[in-house]
C-alpha atoms as a PDB file:
ATOM      1  CA  MET A   1      -2.144  -6.005 -21.293  1.00  0.00           C
ATOM      2  CA  LYS A   2      -3.529  -9.808 -20.619  1.00  0.00           C
ATOM      3  CA  SER A   3      -7.167 -10.551 -20.928  1.00  0.00           C
ATOM      4  CA  PHE A   4      -8.883 -11.156 -17.826  1.00  0.00           C
ATOM      5  CA  PRO A   5      -8.156 -14.691 -17.299  1.00  0.00           C
ATOM      6  CA  GLN A   6     -11.125 -17.238 -17.337  1.00  0.00           C
ATOM      7  CA  ASN A   7     -11.590 -20.080 -14.500  1.00  0.00           C
ATOM      8  CA  ILE A   8      -9.220 -18.283 -11.969  1.00  0.00           C
ATOM      9  CA  GLN A   9      -7.896 -20.900  -9.869  1.00  0.00           C
ATOM     10  CA  GLY A  10      -6.581 -18.154  -7.009  1.00  0.00           C
ATOM     11  CA  VAL A  11      -5.636 -14.485  -6.404  1.00  0.00           C
ATOM     12  CA  LEU A  12      -2.229 -13.698  -4.498  1.00  0.00           C
ATOM     13  CA  PHE A  13      -2.132 -10.378  -2.719  1.00  0.00           C
ATOM     14  CA  ASP A  14       0.578  -8.349  -1.755  1.00  0.00           C
ATOM     15  CA  LEU A  15      -0.006  -7.645   2.253  1.00  0.00           C
ATOM     16  CA  ASP A  16       0.766  -4.125   3.390  1.00  0.00           C
ATOM     17  CA  GLY A  17      -1.063  -1.619   1.442  1.00  0.00           C
ATOM     18  CA  THR A  18      -2.787  -3.856  -0.611  1.00  0.00           C
ATOM     19  CA  LEU A  19      -4.880  -5.851   2.106  1.00  0.00           C
ATOM     20  CA  LEU A  20      -3.680  -3.977   5.302  1.00  0.00           C
ATOM     21  CA  ASP A  21      -3.540  -0.916   6.087  1.00  0.00           C
ATOM     22  CA  SER A  22      -0.567  -1.026   8.266  1.00  0.00           C
ATOM     23  CA  ALA A  23       0.934   2.356   8.221  1.00  0.00           C
ATOM     24  CA  VAL A  24      -0.370   3.698  11.823  1.00  0.00           C
ATOM     25  CA  ASP A  25       1.688   1.204  13.536  1.00  0.00           C
ATOM     26  CA  LEU A  26       4.240   1.191  11.721  1.00  0.00           C
ATOM     27  CA  PHE A  27       4.593   4.580  12.054  1.00  0.00           C
ATOM     28  CA  GLY A  28       3.847   4.548  15.698  1.00  0.00           C
ATOM     29  CA  ALA A  29       7.221   2.156  16.334  1.00  0.00           C
ATOM     30  CA  LEU A  30       8.986   4.817  14.260  1.00  0.00           C
ATOM     31  CA  LYS A  31       7.581   7.565  16.211  1.00  0.00           C
ATOM     32  CA  GLN A  32       8.350   5.554  19.796  1.00  0.00           C
ATOM     33  CA  GLN A  33      11.921   4.943  18.823  1.00  0.00           C
ATOM     34  CA  CYS A  34      12.579   8.470  17.599  1.00  0.00           C
ATOM     35  CA  GLU A  35      10.979   9.294  21.521  1.00  0.00           C
ATOM     36  CA  GLU A  36      13.724   6.779  22.956  1.00  0.00           C
ATOM     37  CA  MET A  37      16.542   8.802  20.596  1.00  0.00           C
ATOM     38  CA  ASP A  38      15.549  11.860  21.472  1.00  0.00           C
ATOM     39  CA  VAL A  39      14.887  12.865  17.764  1.00  0.00           C
ATOM     40  CA  PRO A  40      11.742  14.694  15.951  1.00  0.00           C
ATOM     41  CA  ALA A  41       9.449  12.239  14.089  1.00  0.00           C
ATOM     42  CA  PRO A  42       8.817  12.823  10.764  1.00  0.00           C
ATOM     43  CA  PRO A  43       5.190  13.597   9.696  1.00  0.00           C
ATOM     44  CA  TYR A  44       2.960  10.438   9.448  1.00  0.00           C
ATOM     45  CA  GLU A  45       2.710  11.233   5.756  1.00  0.00           C
ATOM     46  CA  MET A  46       6.032  11.023   4.824  1.00  0.00           C
ATOM     47  CA  VAL A  47       6.082   7.803   6.493  1.00  0.00           C
ATOM     48  CA  ARG A  48       2.999   6.299   4.805  1.00  0.00           C
ATOM     49  CA  GLU A  49       4.108   6.844   1.819  1.00  0.00           C
ATOM     50  CA  VAL A  50       7.591   5.021   1.767  1.00  0.00           C
ATOM     51  CA  VAL A  51       6.261   1.827   4.319  1.00  0.00           C
ATOM     52  CA  SER A  52       5.740  -0.273   1.133  1.00  0.00           C
ATOM     53  CA  ARG A  53      10.020  -0.005   0.942  1.00  0.00           C
ATOM     54  CA  GLY A  54      10.570  -1.499   4.443  1.00  0.00           C
ATOM     55  CA  SER A  55      11.988  -0.688   7.578  1.00  0.00           C
ATOM     56  CA  ARG A  56      15.372   0.780   6.214  1.00  0.00           C
ATOM     57  CA  ALA A  57      13.194   3.295   4.239  1.00  0.00           C
ATOM     58  CA  ILE A  58      11.365   3.991   6.835  1.00  0.00           C
ATOM     59  CA  LEU A  59      13.999   4.891   9.250  1.00  0.00           C
ATOM     60  CA  ARG A  60      15.594   6.775   6.788  1.00  0.00           C
ATOM     61  CA  CYS A  61      12.631   9.719   7.180  1.00  0.00           C
ATOM     62  CA  ALA A  62      13.732   9.986  10.866  1.00  0.00           C
ATOM     63  CA  PHE A  63      17.468   9.837  10.428  1.00  0.00           C
ATOM     64  CA  PRO A  64      18.019  11.203   6.535  1.00  0.00           C
ATOM     65  CA  ALA A  65      21.575  12.164   7.368  1.00  0.00           C
ATOM     66  CA  ILE A  66      23.277   8.994   9.171  1.00  0.00           C
ATOM     67  CA  GLY A  67      25.103   6.731   7.100  1.00  0.00           C
ATOM     68  CA  GLU A  68      23.854   3.397   5.498  1.00  0.00           C
ATOM     69  CA  ALA A  69      25.845   1.317   8.130  1.00  0.00           C
ATOM     70  CA  GLU A  70      24.250   3.639  11.224  1.00  0.00           C
ATOM     71  CA  LEU A  71      20.944   3.075   9.768  1.00  0.00           C
ATOM     72  CA  LEU A  72      21.327  -0.633   9.720  1.00  0.00           C
ATOM     73  CA  THR A  73      22.138  -0.870  13.277  1.00  0.00           C
ATOM     74  CA  LEU A  74      18.368   1.109  14.183  1.00  0.00           C
ATOM     75  CA  VAL A  75      16.526  -1.758  12.506  1.00  0.00           C
ATOM     76  CA  PRO A  76      16.736  -4.273  14.871  1.00  0.00           C
ATOM     77  CA  ARG A  77      14.900  -2.278  17.461  1.00  0.00           C
ATOM     78  CA  TYR A  78      12.831  -0.935  14.917  1.00  0.00           C
ATOM     79  CA  LEU A  79      11.615  -4.442  14.291  1.00  0.00           C
ATOM     80  CA  GLU A  80      11.148  -5.416  18.117  1.00  0.00           C
ATOM     81  CA  LEU A  81       8.866  -2.204  18.799  1.00  0.00           C
ATOM     82  CA  TYR A  82       7.062  -2.452  15.845  1.00  0.00           C
ATOM     83  CA  GLU A  83       6.262  -6.294  16.741  1.00  0.00           C
ATOM     84  CA  ALA A  84       4.994  -5.313  19.933  1.00  0.00           C
ATOM     85  CA  VAL A  85       2.368  -2.772  18.181  1.00  0.00           C
ATOM     86  CA  MET A  86       1.901  -4.404  14.813  1.00  0.00           C
ATOM     87  CA  ALA A  87      -1.574  -5.286  14.932  1.00  0.00           C
ATOM     88  CA  ASP A  88      -3.298  -2.701  17.224  1.00  0.00           C
ATOM     89  CA  GLN A  89      -4.457  -0.401  14.806  1.00  0.00           C
ATOM     90  CA  THR A  90      -4.092  -2.394  11.551  1.00  0.00           C
ATOM     91  CA  ARG A  91      -7.084  -3.682   9.921  1.00  0.00           C
ATOM     92  CA  PRO A  92      -7.889  -4.725   6.466  1.00  0.00           C
ATOM     93  CA  PHE A  93      -8.853  -1.768   4.177  1.00  0.00           C
ATOM     94  CA  GLU A  94     -12.435  -1.135   3.385  1.00  0.00           C
ATOM     95  CA  GLY A  95     -13.810  -3.760   1.193  1.00  0.00           C
ATOM     96  CA  VAL A  96     -10.769  -6.659   1.547  1.00  0.00           C
ATOM     97  CA  ASP A  97     -12.750  -8.770   4.018  1.00  0.00           C
ATOM     98  CA  GLU A  98     -15.721  -9.054   1.657  1.00  0.00           C
ATOM     99  CA  LEU A  99     -13.355  -9.816  -1.329  1.00  0.00           C
ATOM    100  CA  LEU A 100     -11.499 -12.672   0.490  1.00  0.00           C
ATOM    101  CA  SER A 101     -15.455 -13.948   1.544  1.00  0.00           C
ATOM    102  CA  VAL A 102     -16.291 -13.849  -2.198  1.00  0.00           C
ATOM    103  CA  ILE A 103     -12.885 -15.703  -2.994  1.00  0.00           C
ATOM    104  CA  GLU A 104     -13.510 -18.731  -0.544  1.00  0.00           C
ATOM    105  CA  ALA A 105     -17.129 -18.553  -1.644  1.00  0.00           C
ATOM    106  CA  GLN A 106     -16.189 -19.636  -4.963  1.00  0.00           C
ATOM    107  CA  GLY A 107     -13.882 -21.918  -4.008  1.00  0.00           C
ATOM    108  CA  LEU A 108     -10.845 -20.274  -5.328  1.00  0.00           C
ATOM    109  CA  ALA A 109      -7.556 -20.052  -3.478  1.00  0.00           C
ATOM    110  CA  TRP A 110      -5.794 -16.781  -2.350  1.00  0.00           C
ATOM    111  CA  GLY A 111      -2.455 -16.372  -0.726  1.00  0.00           C
ATOM    112  CA  ILE A 112       0.087 -13.526   0.281  1.00  0.00           C
ATOM    113  CA  VAL A 113       3.611 -12.642  -1.219  1.00  0.00           C
ATOM    114  CA  THR A 114       5.258 -10.012   0.881  1.00  0.00           C
ATOM    115  CA  ASN A 115       8.951  -8.328   1.423  1.00  0.00           C
ATOM    116  CA  LYS A 116       8.097  -8.132   5.150  1.00  0.00           C
ATOM    117  CA  PRO A 117      10.136 -10.691   7.195  1.00  0.00           C
ATOM    118  CA  GLY A 118       8.740 -13.823   8.022  1.00  0.00           C
ATOM    119  CA  PHE A 119       8.391 -13.530  11.396  1.00  0.00           C
ATOM    120  CA  LEU A 120       6.852 -10.643  11.124  1.00  0.00           C
ATOM    121  CA  THR A 121       4.283 -11.659   8.713  1.00  0.00           C
ATOM    122  CA  ASP A 122       3.373 -14.799  10.199  1.00  0.00           C
ATOM    123  CA  GLY A 123       2.670 -13.249  13.575  1.00  0.00           C
ATOM    124  CA  LEU A 124       0.389 -10.497  11.678  1.00  0.00           C
ATOM    125  CA  VAL A 125      -1.244 -13.139   9.592  1.00  0.00           C
ATOM    126  CA  GLU A 126      -2.188 -14.773  12.932  1.00  0.00           C
ATOM    127  CA  ARG A 127      -3.208 -11.518  14.920  1.00  0.00           C
ATOM    128  CA  ILE A 128      -5.522 -10.359  12.086  1.00  0.00           C
ATOM    129  CA  GLY A 129      -6.935 -13.918  12.147  1.00  0.00           C
ATOM    130  CA  TRP A 130      -5.960 -15.039   8.206  1.00  0.00           C
ATOM    131  CA  ALA A 131      -3.631 -18.274   9.279  1.00  0.00           C
ATOM    132  CA  PRO A 132      -6.339 -20.463   9.044  1.00  0.00           C
ATOM    133  CA  ARG A 133      -7.626 -19.612   5.893  1.00  0.00           C
ATOM    134  CA  VAL A 134      -4.872 -18.141   3.406  1.00  0.00           C
ATOM    135  CA  ALA A 135      -3.361 -21.037   1.546  1.00  0.00           C
ATOM    136  CA  ALA A 136       0.061 -19.844   1.110  1.00  0.00           C
ATOM    137  CA  VAL A 137       2.448 -17.380   2.587  1.00  0.00           C
ATOM    138  CA  VAL A 138       5.541 -16.484   1.289  1.00  0.00           C
ATOM    139  CA  SER A 139       7.623 -13.427   2.941  1.00  0.00           C
ATOM    140  CA  GLY A 140      10.807 -11.351   2.008  1.00  0.00           C
ATOM    141  CA  ASP A 141      12.982 -13.983   3.933  1.00  0.00           C
ATOM    142  CA  THR A 142      11.732 -16.877   2.666  1.00  0.00           C
ATOM    143  CA  LEU A 143      13.620 -17.040  -0.639  1.00  0.00           C
ATOM    144  CA  PRO A 144      17.053 -15.566  -1.053  1.00  0.00           C
ATOM    145  CA  VAL A 145      15.425 -13.182  -3.671  1.00  0.00           C
ATOM    146  CA  LYS A 146      12.561 -11.450  -3.220  1.00  0.00           C
ATOM    147  CA  LYS A 147      10.235  -8.949  -5.299  1.00  0.00           C
ATOM    148  CA  PRO A 148      10.630  -7.872  -8.218  1.00  0.00           C
ATOM    149  CA  ASP A 149      11.767 -11.133  -8.580  1.00  0.00           C
ATOM    150  CA  PRO A 150       9.224 -13.507  -9.420  1.00  0.00           C
ATOM    151  CA  ALA A 151      10.285 -16.498  -7.390  1.00  0.00           C
ATOM    152  CA  PRO A 152       8.367 -15.407  -4.940  1.00  0.00           C
ATOM    153  CA  VAL A 153       5.273 -15.375  -6.587  1.00  0.00           C
ATOM    154  CA  LEU A 154       6.017 -18.708  -8.198  1.00  0.00           C
ATOM    155  CA  LEU A 155       6.383 -20.450  -4.867  1.00  0.00           C
ATOM    156  CA  ALA A 156       3.465 -19.074  -3.501  1.00  0.00           C
ATOM    157  CA  CYS A 157       1.394 -20.545  -6.664  1.00  0.00           C
ATOM    158  CA  GLU A 158       3.402 -24.008  -6.393  1.00  0.00           C
ATOM    159  CA  ARG A 159       2.596 -23.906  -2.272  1.00  0.00           C
ATOM    160  CA  ALA A 160      -0.963 -23.051  -3.034  1.00  0.00           C
ATOM    161  CA  GLY A 161      -1.306 -25.697  -5.824  1.00  0.00           C
ATOM    162  CA  LEU A 162      -2.051 -22.757  -8.496  1.00  0.00           C
ATOM    163  CA  ASP A 163      -1.407 -22.703 -12.349  1.00  0.00           C
ATOM    164  CA  PRO A 164       0.349 -19.323 -12.334  1.00  0.00           C
ATOM    165  CA  ALA A 165      -1.692 -18.586 -15.774  1.00  0.00           C
ATOM    166  CA  ARG A 166      -4.792 -18.892 -14.047  1.00  0.00           C
ATOM    167  CA  CYS A 167      -4.246 -16.761 -11.120  1.00  0.00           C
ATOM    168  CA  LEU A 168      -4.102 -12.832  -9.992  1.00  0.00           C
ATOM    169  CA  PHE A 169      -1.160 -10.859  -8.399  1.00  0.00           C
ATOM    170  CA  VAL A 170      -2.547  -8.241  -6.774  1.00  0.00           C
ATOM    171  CA  GLY A 171      -0.472  -5.138  -5.664  1.00  0.00           C
ATOM    172  CA  ASP A 172       0.003  -1.406  -4.695  1.00  0.00           C
ATOM    173  CA  ASP A 173       3.612  -1.185  -5.494  1.00  0.00           C
ATOM    174  CA  ARG A 174       5.855  -1.492  -8.850  1.00  0.00           C
ATOM    175  CA  ARG A 175       7.438  -4.469  -7.863  1.00  0.00           C
ATOM    176  CA  ASP A 176       4.659  -6.298  -7.118  1.00  0.00           C
ATOM    177  CA  VAL A 177       3.257  -5.597 -11.248  1.00  0.00           C
ATOM    178  CA  LEU A 178       7.021  -6.763 -12.263  1.00  0.00           C
ATOM    179  CA  ALA A 179       6.835 -10.041 -10.169  1.00  0.00           C
ATOM    180  CA  GLY A 180       3.676 -11.050 -10.989  1.00  0.00           C
ATOM    181  CA  ALA A 181       3.948 -10.421 -14.635  1.00  0.00           C
ATOM    182  CA  ALA A 182       7.267 -12.423 -14.539  1.00  0.00           C
ATOM    183  CA  ALA A 183       5.753 -15.398 -13.018  1.00  0.00           C
ATOM    184  CA  GLY A 184       3.236 -15.253 -15.403  1.00  0.00           C
ATOM    185  CA  LEU A 185       0.079 -13.705 -13.643  1.00  0.00           C
ATOM    186  CA  TYR A 186      -2.823 -11.203 -14.631  1.00  0.00           C
ATOM    187  CA  THR A 187      -1.180  -8.295 -12.450  1.00  0.00           C
ATOM    188  CA  VAL A 188      -3.755  -5.908 -10.743  1.00  0.00           C
ATOM    189  CA  ALA A 189      -2.116  -2.614  -9.205  1.00  0.00           C
ATOM    190  CA  VAL A 190      -4.249  -0.644  -6.953  1.00  0.00           C
ATOM    191  CA  ARG A 191      -4.660   3.112  -6.212  1.00  0.00           C
ATOM    192  CA  TRP A 192      -5.830   2.629  -2.181  1.00  0.00           C
ATOM    193  CA  GLY A 193      -2.342   1.523  -1.155  1.00  0.00           C
ATOM    194  CA  TYR A 194       0.745   3.518  -0.969  1.00  0.00           C
ATOM    195  CA  LEU A 195       2.132   3.354  -3.853  1.00  0.00           C
ATOM    196  CA  ASP A 196       5.656   4.465  -3.067  1.00  0.00           C
ATOM    197  CA  GLY A 197       4.722   7.985  -4.261  1.00  0.00           C
ATOM    198  CA  GLY A 198       4.207   5.947  -7.857  1.00  0.00           C
ATOM    199  CA  ASP A 199       1.408   5.966  -9.997  1.00  0.00           C
ATOM    200  CA  PRO A 200      -0.034   2.826 -10.661  1.00  0.00           C
ATOM    201  CA  GLN A 201      -1.092   3.987 -14.505  1.00  0.00           C
ATOM    202  CA  GLN A 202       2.653   4.039 -15.312  1.00  0.00           C
ATOM    203  CA  TRP A 203       3.474   0.362 -14.003  1.00  0.00           C
ATOM    204  CA  ASP A 204       2.194  -1.697 -17.300  1.00  0.00           C
ATOM    205  CA  ALA A 205       0.056  -3.700 -14.897  1.00  0.00           C
ATOM    206  CA  ASP A 206      -2.975  -5.583 -16.857  1.00  0.00           C
ATOM    207  CA  LEU A 207      -5.515  -3.888 -14.806  1.00  0.00           C
ATOM    208  CA  VAL A 208      -5.856  -0.960 -12.281  1.00  0.00           C
ATOM    209  CA  LEU A 209      -8.377  -0.583  -9.935  1.00  0.00           C
ATOM    210  CA  ASP A 210      -9.595   1.963  -7.469  1.00  0.00           C
ATOM    211  CA  ARG A 211     -11.372  -0.021  -4.594  1.00  0.00           C
ATOM    212  CA  PRO A 212     -11.265  -3.515  -3.591  1.00  0.00           C
ATOM    213  CA  SER A 213     -14.744  -3.787  -4.236  1.00  0.00           C
ATOM    214  CA  GLU A 214     -13.930  -3.436  -7.814  1.00  0.00           C
ATOM    215  CA  LEU A 215     -12.120  -6.557  -7.693  1.00  0.00           C
ATOM    216  CA  THR A 216     -14.851  -8.266  -5.816  1.00  0.00           C
ATOM    217  CA  GLY A 217     -17.122  -7.355  -8.564  1.00  0.00           C
ATOM    218  CA  LEU A 218     -15.167  -8.633 -11.266  1.00  0.00           C
ATOM    219  CA  LEU A 219     -14.562 -12.224  -9.739  1.00  0.00           C
ATOM    220  CA  ARG A 220     -18.298 -12.500  -9.076  1.00  0.00           C
ATOM    221  CA  ARG A 221     -19.160 -11.547 -12.896  1.00  0.00           C
ATOM    222  CA  GLN A 222     -16.163 -13.773 -14.197  1.00  0.00           C
ATOM    223  CA  ARG A 223     -17.688 -16.597 -12.107  1.00  0.00           C
ATOM    224  CA  VAL A 224     -20.996 -16.365 -13.485  1.00  0.00           C
ATOM    225  CA  THR A 225     -20.043 -16.105 -16.578  1.00  0.00           C
ATOM    226  CA  ALA A 226     -17.423 -18.846 -16.812  1.00  0.00           C
END
């Protein structure tokens, strides 16, 4: 495990399940699609656990028996339904607003690296009000590869003018830890997100935190002692 870096330049975050609690709207779109197709919607808890894996995993909760090719035909309608509601009930997790404000107050940059498609990422960031504030956004289709490949993380560092060795990568999925570590960042796994059914303690992250306020405190103390 790495030591907490000194003279931090910035913090990169996963989006869904790390900065934003978006599961209710992701589930709402699925429920609407189930109603259109006259099939029962799965339990919310089942969907919440898999939302970090994307639309196919979400749809699979409602359509467990169909083949992959047929499942793929359902994705465009699901994304259309989700785009219409994606900011209705989605909100930052408790403590995230303060965390981002502290990052900015300390003159640090913050960015987003997500596997979400770009048209949804950009629209959601705009609706939440973060577009003027975020230093870099890299989505799942920005490059030919996505997390756990380190390339999207490195691209975000480049766009934000950050040295990877002086940055944190924060996420609620093992793929975030793998991507951040391979890119040379200090990795922070968070328990407040969706976790994809996993245990962050088993992901070999440099640090595991329970609440955004814990990272806020660490950044404040690091700035004072730097």
